[in-house]
PDB file of N, CA and C in Angstrom:
ATOM      1  N   MET A   1     -29.707 -36.852  15.382  1.00  0.00           N
ATOM      2  CA  MET A   1     -28.744 -36.870  14.310  1.00  0.00           C
ATOM      3  C   MET A   1     -28.294 -35.444  14.003  1.00  0.00           C
ATOM      4  N   GLY A   2     -27.216 -35.013  14.616  1.00  0.00           N
ATOM      5  CA  GLY A   2     -26.703 -33.666  14.422  1.00  0.00           C
ATOM      6  C   GLY A   2     -25.589 -33.638  13.389  1.00  0.00           C
ATOM      7  N   PRO A   3     -24.953 -32.502  13.267  1.00  0.00           N
ATOM      8  CA  PRO A   3     -23.861 -32.381  12.302  1.00  0.00           C
ATOM      9  C   PRO A   3     -22.663 -33.224  12.734  1.00  0.00           C
ATOM     10  N   LYS A   4     -21.886 -33.634  11.768  1.00  0.00           N
ATOM     11  CA  LYS A   4     -20.698 -34.438  12.056  1.00  0.00           C
ATOM     12  C   LYS A   4     -19.647 -33.560  12.742  1.00  0.00           C
ATOM     13  N   PRO A   5     -18.845 -34.152  13.623  1.00  0.00           N
ATOM     14  CA  PRO A   5     -17.824 -33.367  14.319  1.00  0.00           C
ATOM     15  C   PRO A   5     -16.816 -32.727  13.360  1.00  0.00           C
ATOM     16  N   GLY A   6     -16.474 -33.408  12.299  1.00  0.00           N
ATOM     17  CA  GLY A   6     -15.511 -32.872  11.332  1.00  0.00           C
ATOM     18  C   GLY A   6     -16.061 -31.686  10.579  1.00  0.00           C
ATOM     19  N   SER A   7     -17.346 -31.711  10.265  1.00  0.00           N
ATOM     20  CA  SER A   7     -17.934 -30.605   9.498  1.00  0.00           C
ATOM     21  C   SER A   7     -18.042 -29.342  10.347  1.00  0.00           C
ATOM     22  N   ASP A   8     -18.236 -29.518  11.675  1.00  0.00           N
ATOM     23  CA  ASP A   8     -18.286 -28.365  12.567  1.00  0.00           C
ATOM     24  C   ASP A   8     -16.930 -27.664  12.608  1.00  0.00           C
ATOM     25  N   MET A   9     -15.862 -28.441  12.636  1.00  0.00           N
ATOM     26  CA  MET A   9     -14.517 -27.860  12.631  1.00  0.00           C
ATOM     27  C   MET A   9     -14.241 -27.162  11.305  1.00  0.00           C
ATOM     28  N   LYS A  10     -14.738 -27.759  10.230  1.00  0.00           N
ATOM     29  CA  LYS A  10     -14.530 -27.158   8.911  1.00  0.00           C
ATOM     30  C   LYS A  10     -15.262 -25.811   8.808  1.00  0.00           C
ATOM     31  N   MET A  11     -16.477 -25.744   9.332  1.00  0.00           N
ATOM     32  CA  MET A  11     -17.235 -24.489   9.306  1.00  0.00           C
ATOM     33  C   MET A  11     -16.540 -23.415  10.133  1.00  0.00           C
ATOM     34  N   ASN A  12     -15.987 -23.808  11.279  1.00  0.00           N
ATOM     35  CA  ASN A  12     -15.249 -22.849  12.107  1.00  0.00           C
ATOM     36  C   ASN A  12     -14.009 -22.332  11.381  1.00  0.00           C
ATOM     37  N   ALA A  13     -13.328 -23.210  10.654  1.00  0.00           N
ATOM     38  CA  ALA A  13     -12.151 -22.796   9.894  1.00  0.00           C
ATOM     39  C   ALA A  13     -12.547 -21.839   8.776  1.00  0.00           C
ATOM     40  N   ILE A  14     -13.659 -22.117   8.109  1.00  0.00           N
ATOM     41  CA  ILE A  14     -14.127 -21.233   7.035  1.00  0.00           C
ATOM     42  C   ILE A  14     -14.506 -19.875   7.604  1.00  0.00           C
ATOM     43  N   ARG A  15     -15.223 -19.878   8.723  1.00  0.00           N
ATOM     44  CA  ARG A  15     -15.598 -18.617   9.373  1.00  0.00           C
ATOM     45  C   ARG A  15     -14.365 -17.813   9.764  1.00  0.00           C
ATOM     46  N   SER A  16     -13.380 -18.483  10.317  1.00  0.00           N
ATOM     47  CA  SER A  16     -12.147 -17.793  10.714  1.00  0.00           C
ATOM     48  C   SER A  16     -11.448 -17.197   9.499  1.00  0.00           C
ATOM     49  N   GLY A  17     -11.419 -17.934   8.414  1.00  0.00           N
ATOM     50  CA  GLY A  17     -10.809 -17.434   7.185  1.00  0.00           C
ATOM     51  C   GLY A  17     -11.525 -16.205   6.655  1.00  0.00           C
ATOM     52  N   ILE A  18     -12.852 -16.219   6.706  1.00  0.00           N
ATOM     53  CA  ILE A  18     -13.631 -15.075   6.243  1.00  0.00           C
ATOM     54  C   ILE A  18     -13.366 -13.862   7.132  1.00  0.00           C
ATOM     55  N   VAL A  19     -13.276 -14.077   8.425  1.00  0.00           N
ATOM     56  CA  VAL A  19     -12.998 -12.972   9.355  1.00  0.00           C
ATOM     57  C   VAL A  19     -11.616 -12.384   9.084  1.00  0.00           C
ATOM     58  N   VAL A  20     -10.634 -13.243   8.847  1.00  0.00           N
ATOM     59  CA  VAL A  20      -9.273 -12.768   8.574  1.00  0.00           C
ATOM     60  C   VAL A  20      -9.246 -11.974   7.274  1.00  0.00           C
ATOM     61  N   LEU A  21      -9.880 -12.480   6.227  1.00  0.00           N
ATOM     62  CA  LEU A  21      -9.915 -11.758   4.953  1.00  0.00           C
ATOM     63  C   LEU A  21     -10.630 -10.412   5.097  1.00  0.00           C
ATOM     64  N   GLY A  22     -11.699 -10.391   5.856  1.00  0.00           N
ATOM     65  CA  GLY A  22     -12.410  -9.142   6.104  1.00  0.00           C
ATOM     66  C   GLY A  22     -11.542  -8.139   6.849  1.00  0.00           C
ATOM     67  N   ALA A  23     -10.805  -8.617   7.830  1.00  0.00           N
ATOM     68  CA  ALA A  23      -9.928  -7.737   8.593  1.00  0.00           C
ATOM     69  C   ALA A  23      -8.803  -7.189   7.717  1.00  0.00           C
ATOM     70  N   LEU A  24      -8.245  -8.025   6.846  1.00  0.00           N
ATOM     71  CA  LEU A  24      -7.200  -7.560   5.941  1.00  0.00           C
ATOM     72  C   LEU A  24      -7.733  -6.521   4.962  1.00  0.00           C
ATOM     73  N   ALA A  25      -8.927  -6.764   4.423  1.00  0.00           N
ATOM     74  CA  ALA A  25      -9.536  -5.809   3.496  1.00  0.00           C
ATOM     75  C   ALA A  25      -9.818  -4.488   4.204  1.00  0.00           C
ATOM     76  N   PHE A  26     -10.338  -4.554   5.408  1.00  0.00           N
ATOM     77  CA  PHE A  26     -10.621  -3.342   6.176  1.00  0.00           C
ATOM     78  C   PHE A  26      -9.335  -2.573   6.469  1.00  0.00           C
ATOM     79  N   GLY A  27      -8.289  -3.268   6.857  1.00  0.00           N
ATOM     80  CA  GLY A  27      -7.014  -2.615   7.132  1.00  0.00           C
ATOM     81  C   GLY A  27      -6.425  -1.964   5.898  1.00  0.00           C
ATOM     82  N   TYR A  28      -6.494  -2.658   4.761  1.00  0.00           N
ATOM     83  CA  TYR A  28      -5.975  -2.111   3.508  1.00  0.00           C
ATOM     84  C   TYR A  28      -6.728  -0.840   3.118  1.00  0.00           C
ATOM     85  N   LEU A  29      -8.051  -0.895   3.194  1.00  0.00           N
ATOM     86  CA  LEU A  29      -8.851   0.276   2.839  1.00  0.00           C
ATOM     87  C   LEU A  29      -8.608   1.429   3.813  1.00  0.00           C
ATOM     88  N   SER A  30      -8.439   1.119   5.076  1.00  0.00           N
ATOM     89  CA  SER A  30      -8.160   2.166   6.070  1.00  0.00           C
ATOM     90  C   SER A  30      -6.849   2.869   5.758  1.00  0.00           C
ATOM     91  N   ILE A  31      -5.835   2.115   5.410  1.00  0.00           N
ATOM     92  CA  ILE A  31      -4.540   2.705   5.075  1.00  0.00           C
ATOM     93  C   ILE A  31      -4.666   3.553   3.814  1.00  0.00           C
ATOM     94  N   GLN A  32      -5.368   3.028   2.796  1.00  0.00           N
ATOM     95  CA  GLN A  32      -5.535   3.784   1.557  1.00  0.00           C
ATOM     96  C   GLN A  32      -6.261   5.099   1.803  1.00  0.00           C
ATOM     97  N   ILE A  33      -7.317   5.059   2.586  1.00  0.00           N
ATOM     98  CA  ILE A  33      -8.094   6.273   2.855  1.00  0.00           C
ATOM     99  C   ILE A  33      -7.306   7.218   3.764  1.00  0.00           C
ATOM    100  N   GLY A  34      -6.631   6.669   4.746  1.00  0.00           N
ATOM    101  CA  GLY A  34      -5.895   7.502   5.701  1.00  0.00           C
ATOM    102  C   GLY A  34      -4.707   8.217   5.086  1.00  0.00           C
ATOM    103  N   PHE A  35      -3.999   7.560   4.180  1.00  0.00           N
ATOM    104  CA  PHE A  35      -2.804   8.145   3.591  1.00  0.00           C
ATOM    105  C   PHE A  35      -3.051   8.762   2.225  1.00  0.00           C
ATOM    106  N   LYS A  36      -4.296   8.772   1.754  1.00  0.00           N
ATOM    107  CA  LYS A  36      -4.595   9.280   0.417  1.00  0.00           C
ATOM    108  C   LYS A  36      -4.121  10.716   0.210  1.00  0.00           C
ATOM    109  N   PRO A  37      -4.373  11.649   1.138  1.00  0.00           N
ATOM    110  CA  PRO A  37      -3.898  13.023   0.903  1.00  0.00           C
ATOM    111  C   PRO A  37      -2.373  13.107   0.776  1.00  0.00           C
ATOM    112  N   TYR A  38      -1.660  12.324   1.571  1.00  0.00           N
ATOM    113  CA  TYR A  38      -0.209  12.358   1.527  1.00  0.00           C
ATOM    114  C   TYR A  38       0.320  11.731   0.242  1.00  0.00           C
ATOM    115  N   LEU A  39      -0.312  10.638  -0.193  1.00  0.00           N
ATOM    116  CA  LEU A  39       0.116   9.992  -1.429  1.00  0.00           C
ATOM    117  C   LEU A  39      -0.141  10.883  -2.630  1.00  0.00           C
ATOM    118  N   GLU A  40      -1.291  11.557  -2.664  1.00  0.00           N
ATOM    119  CA  GLU A  40      -1.592  12.465  -3.768  1.00  0.00           C
ATOM    120  C   GLU A  40      -0.617  13.636  -3.791  1.00  0.00           C
ATOM    121  N   LYS A  41      -0.302  14.173  -2.622  1.00  0.00           N
ATOM    122  CA  LYS A  41       0.641  15.284  -2.548  1.00  0.00           C
ATOM    123  C   LYS A  41       2.017  14.856  -3.054  1.00  0.00           C
ATOM    124  N   ALA A  42       2.458  13.670  -2.670  1.00  0.00           N
ATOM    125  CA  ALA A  42       3.757  13.168  -3.121  1.00  0.00           C
ATOM    126  C   ALA A  42       3.755  12.937  -4.628  1.00  0.00           C
ATOM    127  N   GLN A  43       2.658  12.416  -5.176  1.00  0.00           N
ATOM    128  CA  GLN A  43       2.582  12.192  -6.614  1.00  0.00           C
ATOM    129  C   GLN A  43       2.594  13.519  -7.366  1.00  0.00           C
ATOM    130  N   ASN A  44       1.893  14.520  -6.842  1.00  0.00           N
ATOM    131  CA  ASN A  44       1.889  15.829  -7.487  1.00  0.00           C
ATOM    132  C   ASN A  44       3.277  16.461  -7.457  1.00  0.00           C
ATOM    133  N   GLN A  45       3.958  16.351  -6.332  1.00  0.00           N
ATOM    134  CA  GLN A  45       5.307  16.907  -6.236  1.00  0.00           C
ATOM    135  C   GLN A  45       6.257  16.194  -7.191  1.00  0.00           C
ATOM    136  N   ASN A  46       6.108  14.890  -7.314  1.00  0.00           N
ATOM    137  CA  ASN A  46       6.948  14.115  -8.213  1.00  0.00           C
ATOM    138  C   ASN A  46       6.677  14.510  -9.658  1.00  0.00           C
ATOM    139  N   ALA A  47       5.409  14.713 -10.006  1.00  0.00           N
ATOM    140  CA  ALA A  47       5.051  15.122 -11.364  1.00  0.00           C
ATOM    141  C   ALA A  47       5.604  16.510 -11.668  1.00  0.00           C
ATOM    142  N   LEU A  48       5.530  17.425 -10.705  1.00  0.00           N
ATOM    143  CA  LEU A  48       6.089  18.760 -10.904  1.00  0.00           C
ATOM    144  C   LEU A  48       7.603  18.699 -11.076  1.00  0.00           C
ATOM    145  N   TYR A  49       8.235  17.876 -10.284  1.00  0.00           N
ATOM    146  CA  TYR A  49       9.690  17.750 -10.349  1.00  0.00           C
ATOM    147  C   TYR A  49      10.125  17.194 -11.696  1.00  0.00           C
ATOM    148  N   GLU A  50       9.407  16.198 -12.208  1.00  0.00           N
ATOM    149  CA  GLU A  50       9.770  15.581 -13.479  1.00  0.00           C
ATOM    150  C   GLU A  50       9.467  16.488 -14.661  1.00  0.00           C
ATOM    151  N   SER A  51       8.454  17.358 -14.549  1.00  0.00           N
ATOM    152  CA  SER A  51       8.096  18.221 -15.669  1.00  0.00           C
ATOM    153  C   SER A  51       8.916  19.509 -15.698  1.00  0.00           C
ATOM    154  N   ASP A  52       9.627  19.847 -14.630  1.00  0.00           N
ATOM    155  CA  ASP A  52      10.414  21.073 -14.556  1.00  0.00           C
ATOM    156  C   ASP A  52      11.761  20.851 -15.239  1.00  0.00           C
ATOM    157  N   PRO A  53      12.062  21.602 -16.320  1.00  0.00           N
ATOM    158  CA  PRO A  53      13.334  21.377 -17.024  1.00  0.00           C
ATOM    159  C   PRO A  53      14.556  21.728 -16.184  1.00  0.00           C
ATOM    160  N   SER A  54      14.450  22.711 -15.296  1.00  0.00           N
ATOM    161  CA  SER A  54      15.612  23.067 -14.478  1.00  0.00           C
ATOM    162  C   SER A  54      15.930  21.969 -13.474  1.00  0.00           C
ATOM    163  N   SER A  55      14.926  21.192 -13.087  1.00  0.00           N
ATOM    164  CA  SER A  55      15.175  20.107 -12.137  1.00  0.00           C
ATOM    165  C   SER A  55      15.951  18.976 -12.790  1.00  0.00           C
ATOM    166  N   GLN A  56      15.878  18.870 -14.120  1.00  0.00           N
ATOM    167  CA  GLN A  56      16.644  17.842 -14.826  1.00  0.00           C
ATOM    168  C   GLN A  56      18.138  18.106 -14.650  1.00  0.00           C
ATOM    169  N   GLU A  57      18.529  19.377 -14.752  1.00  0.00           N
ATOM    170  CA  GLU A  57      19.934  19.723 -14.581  1.00  0.00           C
ATOM    171  C   GLU A  57      20.375  19.491 -13.142  1.00  0.00           C
ATOM    172  N   GLU A  58      19.502  19.837 -12.193  1.00  0.00           N
ATOM    173  CA  GLU A  58      19.828  19.650 -10.784  1.00  0.00           C
ATOM    174  C   GLU A  58      19.980  18.181 -10.441  1.00  0.00           C
ATOM    175  N   SER A  59      19.141  17.347 -11.047  1.00  0.00           N
ATOM    176  CA  SER A  59      19.205  15.928 -10.710  1.00  0.00           C
ATOM    177  C   SER A  59      20.493  15.303 -11.208  1.00  0.00           C
ATOM    178  N   SER A  60      21.036  15.802 -12.330  1.00  0.00           N
ATOM    179  CA  SER A  60      22.278  15.229 -12.830  1.00  0.00           C
ATOM    180  C   SER A  60      23.460  15.671 -11.982  1.00  0.00           C
ATOM    181  N   SER A  61      23.330  16.841 -11.312  1.00  0.00           N
ATOM    182  CA  SER A  61      24.433  17.303 -10.484  1.00  0.00           C
ATOM    183  C   SER A  61      24.167  17.063  -8.999  1.00  0.00           C
ATOM    184  N   ALA A  62      23.164  16.286  -8.678  1.00  0.00           N
ATOM    185  CA  ALA A  62      22.846  16.036  -7.281  1.00  0.00           C
ATOM    186  C   ALA A  62      23.957  15.250  -6.600  1.00  0.00           C
ATOM    187  N   PHE A  63      24.601  14.366  -7.349  1.00  0.00           N
ATOM    188  CA  PHE A  63      25.706  13.579  -6.824  1.00  0.00           C
ATOM    189  C   PHE A  63      26.912  13.788  -7.756  1.00  0.00           C
ATOM    190  N   PRO A  64      27.607  14.899  -7.594  1.00  0.00           N
ATOM    191  CA  PRO A  64      28.710  15.171  -8.521  1.00  0.00           C
ATOM    192  C   PRO A  64      29.868  14.183  -8.315  1.00  0.00           C
ATOM    193  N   GLU A  65      30.550  13.941  -9.393  1.00  0.00           N
ATOM    194  CA  GLU A  65      31.712  13.057  -9.343  1.00  0.00           C
ATOM    195  C   GLU A  65      32.842  13.765  -8.607  1.00  0.00           C
ATOM    196  N   ARG A  66      33.605  13.023  -7.864  1.00  0.00           N
ATOM    197  CA  ARG A  66      34.756  13.614  -7.197  1.00  0.00           C
ATOM    198  C   ARG A  66      35.902  13.710  -8.188  1.00  0.00           C
ATOM    199  N   THR A  67      36.523  14.857  -8.215  1.00  0.00           N
ATOM    200  CA  THR A  67      37.627  15.082  -9.166  1.00  0.00           C
ATOM    201  C   THR A  67      38.911  15.408  -8.416  1.00  0.00           C
ATOM    202  N   SER A  68      39.229  14.651  -7.392  1.00  0.00           N
ATOM    203  CA  SER A  68      40.448  14.944  -6.650  1.00  0.00           C
ATOM    204  C   SER A  68      41.499  13.894  -6.886  1.00  0.00           C
TER     205      SER A  68
END
């Protein structure tokens, strides 16, 4: 009296789902760790740009209106 054929398929599906979720989590963490220095640098540059008062004037004139 072994396991039912349907339950064996269900266990395989559950195992596959766990493997897929693990792979997605690993990939997400790898990307976060791999790009962390670049993301921090971009956030710091953005914070500096937003806190600089002279950049406020530059941003308003970055796309000047055409007056022709």
